[in-house]
Every structure is written in C-alpha cells, then in structure tokens.
Amino acid sequence: MYFLGELRGWKGQKALWEFVRKDALILHPPSETEIQRTIRLMEKYNDVPMDLADATLVALAETSNLRQIFTLDSDFFIYRIDDKEAFEVFPQR
C-alpha cells in the first residue's frame, strides 16, 4: 500500500482497497507463532531495517509455504525464507 501510494497516490491505494472489498485480496490476521517470528525477523534484519509489513509477509510466507512474492520492495531480494531460501520476486529487477 505504501509503495502504491508513492507511485499512484490515493487513486492507486483506493484501487487496491477494492481488491480487498471484493475478496480478491485477503488480509491475513497473524497467528501467535507468526507474531513471534515477526519479532525475531525484525531483530535479525534491523540493519536493513525490516519494518512490520515486511516481517509479517516473510512470516506468513514461511507458515504458508509460499516462495513467490509480488512486490516493488527491493528488500525482498535480501530476506530469506526460514533463514535459508531466497524469495522468487516479481517483477524481477
């Protein structure tokens, strides 16, 4: 949402909210395990720094066994799934 706002302003963000309203994009409430992992990730990547949004996405990817991510955030080329595997980032640089 942040990057979309930077690129397209409120009009872009409003379009993304429409995806949420139509259940084409689902907002995921984190489990306690994901919350704990989010804290550890933010501590580990504090030199990047990793924000809450990025950390929750990495934790969700780990618990959901997801390896592909669509993002404009270049930090996802740095983050590792389960501290080992790189994300397959779209669009690629």
PDB file of N, CA and C in Angstrom:
ATOM      1  N   MET A   1       0.836  -1.192   0.000  1.00  0.00           N
ATOM      2  CA  MET A   1       0.000   0.000   0.000  1.00  0.00           C
ATOM      3  C   MET A   1       0.877   1.251   0.000  1.00  0.00           C
ATOM      4  N   TYR A   2       1.954   1.210   0.776  1.00  0.00           N
ATOM      5  CA  TYR A   2       2.854   2.353   0.852  1.00  0.00           C
ATOM      6  C   TYR A   2       3.447   2.687  -0.517  1.00  0.00           C
ATOM      7  N   PHE A   3       4.034   1.675  -1.168  1.00  0.00           N
ATOM      8  CA  PHE A   3       4.667   1.925  -2.460  1.00  0.00           C
ATOM      9  C   PHE A   3       3.645   2.318  -3.518  1.00  0.00           C
ATOM     10  N   LEU A   4       2.477   1.723  -3.464  1.00  0.00           N
ATOM     11  CA  LEU A   4       1.424   2.088  -4.406  1.00  0.00           C
ATOM     12  C   LEU A   4       1.028   3.546  -4.207  1.00  0.00           C
ATOM     13  N   GLY A   5       0.965   3.976  -2.970  1.00  0.00           N
ATOM     14  CA  GLY A   5       0.674   5.379  -2.677  1.00  0.00           C
ATOM     15  C   GLY A   5       1.749   6.301  -3.211  1.00  0.00           C
ATOM     16  N   GLU A   6       3.009   5.866  -3.078  1.00  0.00           N
ATOM     17  CA  GLU A   6       4.115   6.665  -3.603  1.00  0.00           C
ATOM     18  C   GLU A   6       4.048   6.762  -5.126  1.00  0.00           C
ATOM     19  N   LEU A   7       3.652   5.668  -5.778  1.00  0.00           N
ATOM     20  CA  LEU A   7       3.625   5.631  -7.241  1.00  0.00           C
ATOM     21  C   LEU A   7       2.365   6.237  -7.854  1.00  0.00           C
ATOM     22  N   ARG A   8       1.203   5.956  -7.231  1.00  0.00           N
ATOM     23  CA  ARG A   8      -0.072   6.340  -7.839  1.00  0.00           C
ATOM     24  C   ARG A   8      -0.981   7.163  -6.933  1.00  0.00           C
ATOM     25  N   GLY A   9      -0.510   7.452  -5.716  1.00  0.00           N
ATOM     26  CA  GLY A   9      -1.318   8.251  -4.808  1.00  0.00           C
ATOM     27  C   GLY A   9      -2.559   7.508  -4.318  1.00  0.00           C
ATOM     28  N   TRP A  10      -3.510   8.297  -3.823  1.00  0.00           N
ATOM     29  CA  TRP A  10      -4.729   7.714  -3.265  1.00  0.00           C
ATOM     30  C   TRP A  10      -5.494   6.898  -4.297  1.00  0.00           C
ATOM     31  N   LYS A  11      -5.487   7.312  -5.543  1.00  0.00           N
ATOM     32  CA  LYS A  11      -6.211   6.580  -6.594  1.00  0.00           C
ATOM     33  C   LYS A  11      -5.717   5.130  -6.688  1.00  0.00           C
ATOM     34  N   GLY A  12      -4.415   4.936  -6.624  1.00  0.00           N
ATOM     35  CA  GLY A  12      -3.855   3.584  -6.641  1.00  0.00           C
ATOM     36  C   GLY A  12      -4.201   2.808  -5.386  1.00  0.00           C
ATOM     37  N   GLN A  13      -4.111   3.472  -4.236  1.00  0.00           N
ATOM     38  CA  GLN A  13      -4.451   2.811  -2.973  1.00  0.00           C
ATOM     39  C   GLN A  13      -5.926   2.440  -2.929  1.00  0.00           C
ATOM     40  N   LYS A  14      -6.779   3.321  -3.429  1.00  0.00           N
ATOM     41  CA  LYS A  14      -8.217   3.038  -3.451  1.00  0.00           C
ATOM     42  C   LYS A  14      -8.507   1.816  -4.318  1.00  0.00           C
ATOM     43  N   ALA A  15      -7.807   1.690  -5.443  1.00  0.00           N
ATOM     44  CA  ALA A  15      -7.989   0.520  -6.313  1.00  0.00           C
ATOM     45  C   ALA A  15      -7.598  -0.762  -5.572  1.00  0.00           C
ATOM     46  N   LEU A  16      -6.518  -0.697  -4.778  1.00  0.00           N
ATOM     47  CA  LEU A  16      -6.107  -1.869  -4.006  1.00  0.00           C
ATOM     48  C   LEU A  16      -7.149  -2.222  -2.954  1.00  0.00           C
ATOM     49  N   TRP A  17      -7.739  -1.209  -2.310  1.00  0.00           N
ATOM     50  CA  TRP A  17      -8.805  -1.469  -1.334  1.00  0.00           C
ATOM     51  C   TRP A  17      -9.997  -2.157  -1.995  1.00  0.00           C
ATOM     52  N   GLU A  18     -10.252  -1.855  -3.250  1.00  0.00           N
ATOM     53  CA  GLU A  18     -11.348  -2.524  -3.965  1.00  0.00           C
ATOM     54  C   GLU A  18     -11.074  -4.023  -4.098  1.00  0.00           C
ATOM     55  N   PHE A  19      -9.816  -4.402  -4.288  1.00  0.00           N
ATOM     56  CA  PHE A  19      -9.467  -5.822  -4.305  1.00  0.00           C
ATOM     57  C   PHE A  19      -9.818  -6.464  -2.963  1.00  0.00           C
ATOM     58  N   VAL A  20      -9.527  -5.761  -1.867  1.00  0.00           N
ATOM     59  CA  VAL A  20      -9.844  -6.280  -0.530  1.00  0.00           C
ATOM     60  C   VAL A  20     -11.356  -6.421  -0.378  1.00  0.00           C
ATOM     61  N   ARG A  21     -12.086  -5.409  -0.776  1.00  0.00           N
ATOM     62  CA  ARG A  21     -13.548  -5.436  -0.622  1.00  0.00           C
ATOM     63  C   ARG A  21     -14.185  -6.559  -1.430  1.00  0.00           C
ATOM     64  N   LYS A  22     -13.578  -6.917  -2.551  1.00  0.00           N
ATOM     65  CA  LYS A  22     -14.127  -7.963  -3.425  1.00  0.00           C
ATOM     66  C   LYS A  22     -13.547  -9.345  -3.091  1.00  0.00           C
ATOM     67  N   ASP A  23     -12.821  -9.450  -1.994  1.00  0.00           N
ATOM     68  CA  ASP A  23     -12.171 -10.693  -1.571  1.00  0.00           C
ATOM     69  C   ASP A  23     -11.186 -11.239  -2.597  1.00  0.00           C
ATOM     70  N   ALA A  24     -10.672 -10.377  -3.466  1.00  0.00           N
ATOM     71  CA  ALA A  24      -9.625 -10.766  -4.401  1.00  0.00           C
ATOM     72  C   ALA A  24      -8.255 -10.667  -3.725  1.00  0.00           C
ATOM     73  N   LEU A  25      -8.209  -9.938  -2.624  1.00  0.00           N
ATOM     74  CA  LEU A  25      -7.013  -9.800  -1.804  1.00  0.00           C
ATOM     75  C   LEU A  25      -7.468  -9.967  -0.363  1.00  0.00           C
ATOM     76  N   ILE A  26      -6.866 -10.900   0.319  1.00  0.00           N
ATOM     77  CA  ILE A  26      -7.295 -11.211   1.685  1.00  0.00           C
ATOM     78  C   ILE A  26      -6.249 -10.699   2.675  1.00  0.00           C
ATOM     79  N   LEU A  27      -6.707  -9.967   3.677  1.00  0.00           N
ATOM     80  CA  LEU A  27      -5.826  -9.530   4.754  1.00  0.00           C
ATOM     81  C   LEU A  27      -5.775 -10.645   5.796  1.00  0.00           C
ATOM     82  N   HIS A  28      -4.586 -11.061   6.136  1.00  0.00           N
ATOM     83  CA  HIS A  28      -4.377 -12.224   6.998  1.00  0.00           C
ATOM     84  C   HIS A  28      -4.060 -11.784   8.432  1.00  0.00           C
ATOM     85  N   PRO A  29      -4.874 -12.197   9.412  1.00  0.00           N
ATOM     86  CA  PRO A  29      -4.521 -11.906  10.806  1.00  0.00           C
ATOM     87  C   PRO A  29      -3.419 -12.877  11.255  1.00  0.00           C
ATOM     88  N   PRO A  30      -2.302 -12.373  11.767  1.00  0.00           N
ATOM     89  CA  PRO A  30      -1.194 -13.262  12.128  1.00  0.00           C
ATOM     90  C   PRO A  30      -1.498 -14.122  13.353  1.00  0.00           C
ATOM     91  N   SER A  31      -0.986 -15.354  13.317  1.00  0.00           N
ATOM     92  CA  SER A  31      -1.085 -16.251  14.469  1.00  0.00           C
ATOM     93  C   SER A  31      -0.020 -15.843  15.489  1.00  0.00           C
ATOM     94  N   GLU A  32      -0.097 -16.398  16.675  1.00  0.00           N
ATOM     95  CA  GLU A  32       0.913 -16.108  17.703  1.00  0.00           C
ATOM     96  C   GLU A  32       2.301 -16.538  17.230  1.00  0.00           C
ATOM     97  N   THR A  33       2.387 -17.670  16.547  1.00  0.00           N
ATOM     98  CA  THR A  33       3.665 -18.141  16.003  1.00  0.00           C
ATOM     99  C   THR A  33       4.224 -17.135  15.002  1.00  0.00           C
ATOM    100  N   GLU A  34       3.357 -16.608  14.143  1.00  0.00           N
ATOM    101  CA  GLU A  34       3.792 -15.617  13.157  1.00  0.00           C
ATOM    102  C   GLU A  34       4.216 -14.314  13.830  1.00  0.00           C
ATOM    103  N   ILE A  35       3.527 -13.939  14.890  1.00  0.00           N
ATOM    104  CA  ILE A  35       3.899 -12.725  15.627  1.00  0.00           C
ATOM    105  C   ILE A  35       5.299 -12.893  16.230  1.00  0.00           C
ATOM    106  N   GLN A  36       5.553 -14.029  16.854  1.00  0.00           N
ATOM    107  CA  GLN A  36       6.872 -14.280  17.443  1.00  0.00           C
ATOM    108  C   GLN A  36       7.961 -14.282  16.369  1.00  0.00           C
ATOM    109  N   ARG A  37       7.664 -14.898  15.228  1.00  0.00           N
ATOM    110  CA  ARG A  37       8.631 -14.925  14.126  1.00  0.00           C
ATOM    111  C   ARG A  37       8.863 -13.510  13.584  1.00  0.00           C
ATOM    112  N   THR A  38       7.805 -12.706  13.513  1.00  0.00           N
ATOM    113  CA  THR A  38       7.909 -11.324  13.050  1.00  0.00           C
ATOM    114  C   THR A  38       8.880 -10.540  13.928  1.00  0.00           C
ATOM    115  N   ILE A  39       8.778 -10.718  15.228  1.00  0.00           N
ATOM    116  CA  ILE A  39       9.676 -10.041  16.171  1.00  0.00           C
ATOM    117  C   ILE A  39      11.121 -10.465  15.912  1.00  0.00           C
ATOM    118  N   ARG A  40      11.341 -11.775  15.767  1.00  0.00           N
ATOM    119  CA  ARG A  40      12.707 -12.273  15.536  1.00  0.00           C
ATOM    120  C   ARG A  40      13.265 -11.760  14.201  1.00  0.00           C
ATOM    121  N   LEU A  41      12.413 -11.716  13.170  1.00  0.00           N
ATOM    122  CA  LEU A  41      12.860 -11.228  11.868  1.00  0.00           C
ATOM    123  C   LEU A  41      13.256  -9.752  11.921  1.00  0.00           C
ATOM    124  N   MET A  42      12.438  -8.940  12.588  1.00  0.00           N
ATOM    125  CA  MET A  42      12.744  -7.508  12.694  1.00  0.00           C
ATOM    126  C   MET A  42      14.051  -7.288  13.458  1.00  0.00           C
ATOM    127  N   GLU A  43      14.313  -8.128  14.451  1.00  0.00           N
ATOM    128  CA  GLU A  43      15.569  -8.031  15.178  1.00  0.00           C
ATOM    129  C   GLU A  43      16.742  -8.446  14.282  1.00  0.00           C
ATOM    130  N   LYS A  44      16.579  -9.549  13.566  1.00  0.00           N
ATOM    131  CA  LYS A  44      17.637 -10.062  12.698  1.00  0.00           C
ATOM    132  C   LYS A  44      17.999  -9.060  11.599  1.00  0.00           C
ATOM    133  N   TYR A  45      16.988  -8.481  10.968  1.00  0.00           N
ATOM    134  CA  TYR A  45      17.207  -7.579   9.839  1.00  0.00           C
ATOM    135  C   TYR A  45      17.158  -6.107  10.246  1.00  0.00           C
ATOM    136  N   ASN A  46      17.479  -5.801  11.502  1.00  0.00           N
ATOM    137  CA  ASN A  46      17.373  -4.415  11.973  1.00  0.00           C
ATOM    138  C   ASN A  46      18.322  -3.473  11.240  1.00  0.00           C
ATOM    139  N   ASP A  47      19.348  -4.012  10.600  1.00  0.00           N
ATOM    140  CA  ASP A  47      20.279  -3.160   9.855  1.00  0.00           C
ATOM    141  C   ASP A  47      19.746  -2.770   8.479  1.00  0.00           C
ATOM    142  N   VAL A  48      18.663  -3.457   8.013  1.00  0.00           N
ATOM    143  CA  VAL A  48      18.113  -3.135   6.685  1.00  0.00           C
ATOM    144  C   VAL A  48      17.379  -1.793   6.712  1.00  0.00           C
ATOM    145  N   PRO A  49      16.544  -1.379   7.599  1.00  0.00           N
ATOM    146  CA  PRO A  49      15.815  -2.153   8.604  1.00  0.00           C
ATOM    147  C   PRO A  49      14.558  -2.791   8.018  1.00  0.00           C
ATOM    148  N   MET A  50      14.105  -3.845   8.664  1.00  0.00           N
ATOM    149  CA  MET A  50      12.882  -4.528   8.259  1.00  0.00           C
ATOM    150  C   MET A  50      11.719  -3.927   9.036  1.00  0.00           C
ATOM    151  N   ASP A  51      10.669  -3.508   8.317  1.00  0.00           N
ATOM    152  CA  ASP A  51       9.505  -2.955   9.009  1.00  0.00           C
ATOM    153  C   ASP A  51       8.474  -4.055   9.287  1.00  0.00           C
ATOM    154  N   LEU A  52       7.438  -3.689   9.998  1.00  0.00           N
ATOM    155  CA  LEU A  52       6.402  -4.641  10.397  1.00  0.00           C
ATOM    156  C   LEU A  52       5.741  -5.300   9.193  1.00  0.00           C
ATOM    157  N   ALA A  53       5.445  -4.530   8.171  1.00  0.00           N
ATOM    158  CA  ALA A  53       4.784  -5.082   6.988  1.00  0.00           C
ATOM    159  C   ALA A  53       5.651  -6.160   6.336  1.00  0.00           C
ATOM    160  N   ASP A  54       6.935  -5.877   6.142  1.00  0.00           N
ATOM    161  CA  ASP A  54       7.825  -6.863   5.521  1.00  0.00           C
ATOM    162  C   ASP A  54       7.960  -8.106   6.394  1.00  0.00           C
ATOM    163  N   ALA A  55       8.136  -7.910   7.687  1.00  0.00           N
ATOM    164  CA  ALA A  55       8.324  -9.042   8.597  1.00  0.00           C
ATOM    165  C   ALA A  55       7.097  -9.951   8.623  1.00  0.00           C
ATOM    166  N   THR A  56       5.909  -9.355   8.630  1.00  0.00           N
ATOM    167  CA  THR A  56       4.705 -10.197   8.648  1.00  0.00           C
ATOM    168  C   THR A  56       4.550 -10.955   7.338  1.00  0.00           C
ATOM    169  N   LEU A  57       4.958 -10.351   6.225  1.00  0.00           N
ATOM    170  CA  LEU A  57       4.897 -11.068   4.937  1.00  0.00           C
ATOM    171  C   LEU A  57       5.856 -12.252   4.907  1.00  0.00           C
ATOM    172  N   VAL A  58       7.062 -12.064   5.431  1.00  0.00           N
ATOM    173  CA  VAL A  58       8.021 -13.168   5.475  1.00  0.00           C
ATOM    174  C   VAL A  58       7.506 -14.280   6.387  1.00  0.00           C
ATOM    175  N   ALA A  59       6.999 -13.921   7.556  1.00  0.00           N
ATOM    176  CA  ALA A  59       6.467 -14.926   8.484  1.00  0.00           C
ATOM    177  C   ALA A  59       5.294 -15.681   7.860  1.00  0.00           C
ATOM    178  N   LEU A  60       4.397 -14.974   7.196  1.00  0.00           N
ATOM    179  CA  LEU A  60       3.262 -15.623   6.527  1.00  0.00           C
ATOM    180  C   LEU A  60       3.739 -16.545   5.412  1.00  0.00           C
ATOM    181  N   ALA A  61       4.719 -16.108   4.648  1.00  0.00           N
ATOM    182  CA  ALA A  61       5.264 -16.950   3.577  1.00  0.00           C
ATOM    183  C   ALA A  61       5.825 -18.248   4.155  1.00  0.00           C
ATOM    184  N   GLU A  62       6.497 -18.139   5.287  1.00  0.00           N
ATOM    185  CA  GLU A  62       7.066 -19.333   5.917  1.00  0.00           C
ATOM    186  C   GLU A  62       5.986 -20.297   6.382  1.00  0.00           C
ATOM    187  N   THR A  63       4.970 -19.794   7.058  1.00  0.00           N
ATOM    188  CA  THR A  63       3.927 -20.686   7.584  1.00  0.00           C
ATOM    189  C   THR A  63       2.998 -21.205   6.479  1.00  0.00           C
ATOM    190  N   SER A  64       2.928 -20.487   5.387  1.00  0.00           N
ATOM    191  CA  SER A  64       2.052 -20.893   4.267  1.00  0.00           C
ATOM    192  C   SER A  64       2.814 -21.626   3.171  1.00  0.00           C
ATOM    193  N   ASN A  65       4.119 -21.788   3.367  1.00  0.00           N
ATOM    194  CA  ASN A  65       4.960 -22.478   2.397  1.00  0.00           C
ATOM    195  C   ASN A  65       4.939 -21.787   1.026  1.00  0.00           C
ATOM    196  N   LEU A  66       4.985 -20.459   1.041  1.00  0.00           N
ATOM    197  CA  LEU A  66       4.987 -19.672  -0.191  1.00  0.00           C
ATOM    198  C   LEU A  66       6.414 -19.213  -0.493  1.00  0.00           C
ATOM    199  N   ARG A  67       6.786 -19.222  -1.748  1.00  0.00           N
ATOM    200  CA  ARG A  67       8.136 -18.824  -2.143  1.00  0.00           C
ATOM    201  C   ARG A  67       8.126 -17.657  -3.122  1.00  0.00           C
ATOM    202  N   GLN A  68       6.992 -17.398  -3.745  1.00  0.00           N
ATOM    203  CA  GLN A  68       6.882 -16.323  -4.725  1.00  0.00           C
ATOM    204  C   GLN A  68       6.194 -15.118  -4.089  1.00  0.00           C
ATOM    205  N   ILE A  69       6.681 -13.925  -4.448  1.00  0.00           N
ATOM    206  CA  ILE A  69       6.082 -12.714  -3.915  1.00  0.00           C
ATOM    207  C   ILE A  69       6.065 -11.629  -4.986  1.00  0.00           C
ATOM    208  N   PHE A  70       4.950 -10.928  -5.066  1.00  0.00           N
ATOM    209  CA  PHE A  70       4.845  -9.765  -5.934  1.00  0.00           C
ATOM    210  C   PHE A  70       5.043  -8.543  -5.064  1.00  0.00           C
ATOM    211  N   THR A  71       6.106  -7.792  -5.331  1.00  0.00           N
ATOM    212  CA  THR A  71       6.397  -6.611  -4.532  1.00  0.00           C
ATOM    213  C   THR A  71       7.283  -5.648  -5.308  1.00  0.00           C
ATOM    214  N   LEU A  72       7.190  -4.388  -4.959  1.00  0.00           N
ATOM    215  CA  LEU A  72       8.082  -3.370  -5.503  1.00  0.00           C
ATOM    216  C   LEU A  72       9.201  -3.057  -4.516  1.00  0.00           C
ATOM    217  N   ASP A  73       9.224  -3.763  -3.404  1.00  0.00           N
ATOM    218  CA  ASP A  73      10.186  -3.554  -2.329  1.00  0.00           C
ATOM    219  C   ASP A  73      11.435  -4.398  -2.587  1.00  0.00           C
ATOM    220  N   SER A  74      12.537  -3.754  -2.900  1.00  0.00           N
ATOM    221  CA  SER A  74      13.774  -4.465  -3.236  1.00  0.00           C
ATOM    222  C   SER A  74      14.373  -5.218  -2.040  1.00  0.00           C
ATOM    223  N   ASP A  75      13.921  -4.924  -0.824  1.00  0.00           N
ATOM    224  CA  ASP A  75      14.426  -5.647   0.348  1.00  0.00           C
ATOM    225  C   ASP A  75      14.109  -7.130   0.279  1.00  0.00           C
ATOM    226  N   PHE A  76      13.107  -7.527  -0.483  1.00  0.00           N
ATOM    227  CA  PHE A  76      12.760  -8.946  -0.573  1.00  0.00           C
ATOM    228  C   PHE A  76      13.800  -9.752  -1.355  1.00  0.00           C
ATOM    229  N   PHE A  77      14.750  -9.066  -1.985  1.00  0.00           N
ATOM    230  CA  PHE A  77      15.888  -9.763  -2.580  1.00  0.00           C
ATOM    231  C   PHE A  77      16.918 -10.094  -1.494  1.00  0.00           C
ATOM    232  N   ILE A  78      16.802  -9.458  -0.327  1.00  0.00           N
ATOM    233  CA  ILE A  78      17.710  -9.674   0.799  1.00  0.00           C
ATOM    234  C   ILE A  78      17.149 -10.721   1.761  1.00  0.00           C
ATOM    235  N   TYR A  79      15.863 -10.635   2.076  1.00  0.00           N
ATOM    236  CA  TYR A  79      15.231 -11.515   3.061  1.00  0.00           C
ATOM    237  C   TYR A  79      15.311 -12.975   2.636  1.00  0.00           C
ATOM    238  N   ARG A  80      15.383 -13.856   3.624  1.00  0.00           N
ATOM    239  CA  ARG A  80      15.446 -15.290   3.377  1.00  0.00           C
ATOM    240  C   ARG A  80      14.303 -16.000   4.096  1.00  0.00           C
ATOM    241  N   ILE A  81      13.705 -16.954   3.404  1.00  0.00           N
ATOM    242  CA  ILE A  81      12.625 -17.772   3.953  1.00  0.00           C
ATOM    243  C   ILE A  81      13.263 -18.832   4.846  1.00  0.00           C
ATOM    244  N   ASP A  82      12.778 -18.936   6.062  1.00  0.00           N
ATOM    245  CA  ASP A  82      13.338 -19.870   7.049  1.00  0.00           C
ATOM    246  C   ASP A  82      14.850 -19.674   7.195  1.00  0.00           C
ATOM    247  N   ASP A  83      15.295 -18.435   7.021  1.00  0.00           N
ATOM    248  CA  ASP A  83      16.705 -18.059   7.139  1.00  0.00           C
ATOM    249  C   ASP A  83      17.607 -18.740   6.112  1.00  0.00           C
ATOM    250  N   LYS A  84      17.023 -19.304   5.033  1.00  0.00           N
ATOM    251  CA  LYS A  84      17.826 -20.028   4.049  1.00  0.00           C
ATOM    252  C   LYS A  84      17.521 -19.633   2.615  1.00  0.00           C
ATOM    253  N   GLU A  85      16.278 -19.802   2.218  1.00  0.00           N
ATOM    254  CA  GLU A  85      15.864 -19.713   0.815  1.00  0.00           C
ATOM    255  C   GLU A  85      15.502 -18.296   0.391  1.00  0.00           C
ATOM    256  N   ALA A  86      15.932 -17.916  -0.804  1.00  0.00           N
ATOM    257  CA  ALA A  86      15.557 -16.609  -1.348  1.00  0.00           C
ATOM    258  C   ALA A  86      14.139 -16.642  -1.890  1.00  0.00           C
ATOM    259  N   PHE A  87      13.478 -15.503  -1.838  1.00  0.00           N
ATOM    260  CA  PHE A  87      12.161 -15.369  -2.470  1.00  0.00           C
ATOM    261  C   PHE A  87      12.330 -15.322  -3.986  1.00  0.00           C
ATOM    262  N   GLU A  88      11.319 -15.777  -4.677  1.00  0.00           N
ATOM    263  CA  GLU A  88      11.211 -15.542  -6.116  1.00  0.00           C
ATOM    264  C   GLU A  88      10.369 -14.285  -6.247  1.00  0.00           C
ATOM    265  N   VAL A  89      11.000 -13.176  -6.540  1.00  0.00           N
ATOM    266  CA  VAL A  89      10.365 -11.862  -6.516  1.00  0.00           C
ATOM    267  C   VAL A  89       9.863 -11.477  -7.899  1.00  0.00           C
ATOM    268  N   PHE A  90       8.617 -10.995  -7.958  1.00  0.00           N
ATOM    269  CA  PHE A  90       8.021 -10.467  -9.190  1.00  0.00           C
ATOM    270  C   PHE A  90       7.597  -9.038  -8.943  1.00  0.00           C
ATOM    271  N   PRO A  91       7.789  -8.091  -9.805  1.00  0.00           N
ATOM    272  CA  PRO A  91       8.574  -8.259 -11.031  1.00  0.00           C
ATOM    273  C   PRO A  91      10.048  -8.308 -10.700  1.00  0.00           C
ATOM    274  N   GLN A  92      10.790  -9.026 -11.506  1.00  0.00           N
ATOM    275  CA  GLN A  92      12.226  -9.132 -11.286  1.00  0.00           C
ATOM    276  C   GLN A  92      12.906  -7.833 -11.686  1.00  0.00           C
ATOM    277  N   ARG A  93      14.047  -7.584 -11.116  1.00  0.00           N
ATOM    278  CA  ARG A  93      14.782  -6.347 -11.415  1.00  0.00           C
ATOM    279  C   ARG A  93      15.227  -6.315 -12.851  1.00  0.00           C
TER     280      ARG A  93
END
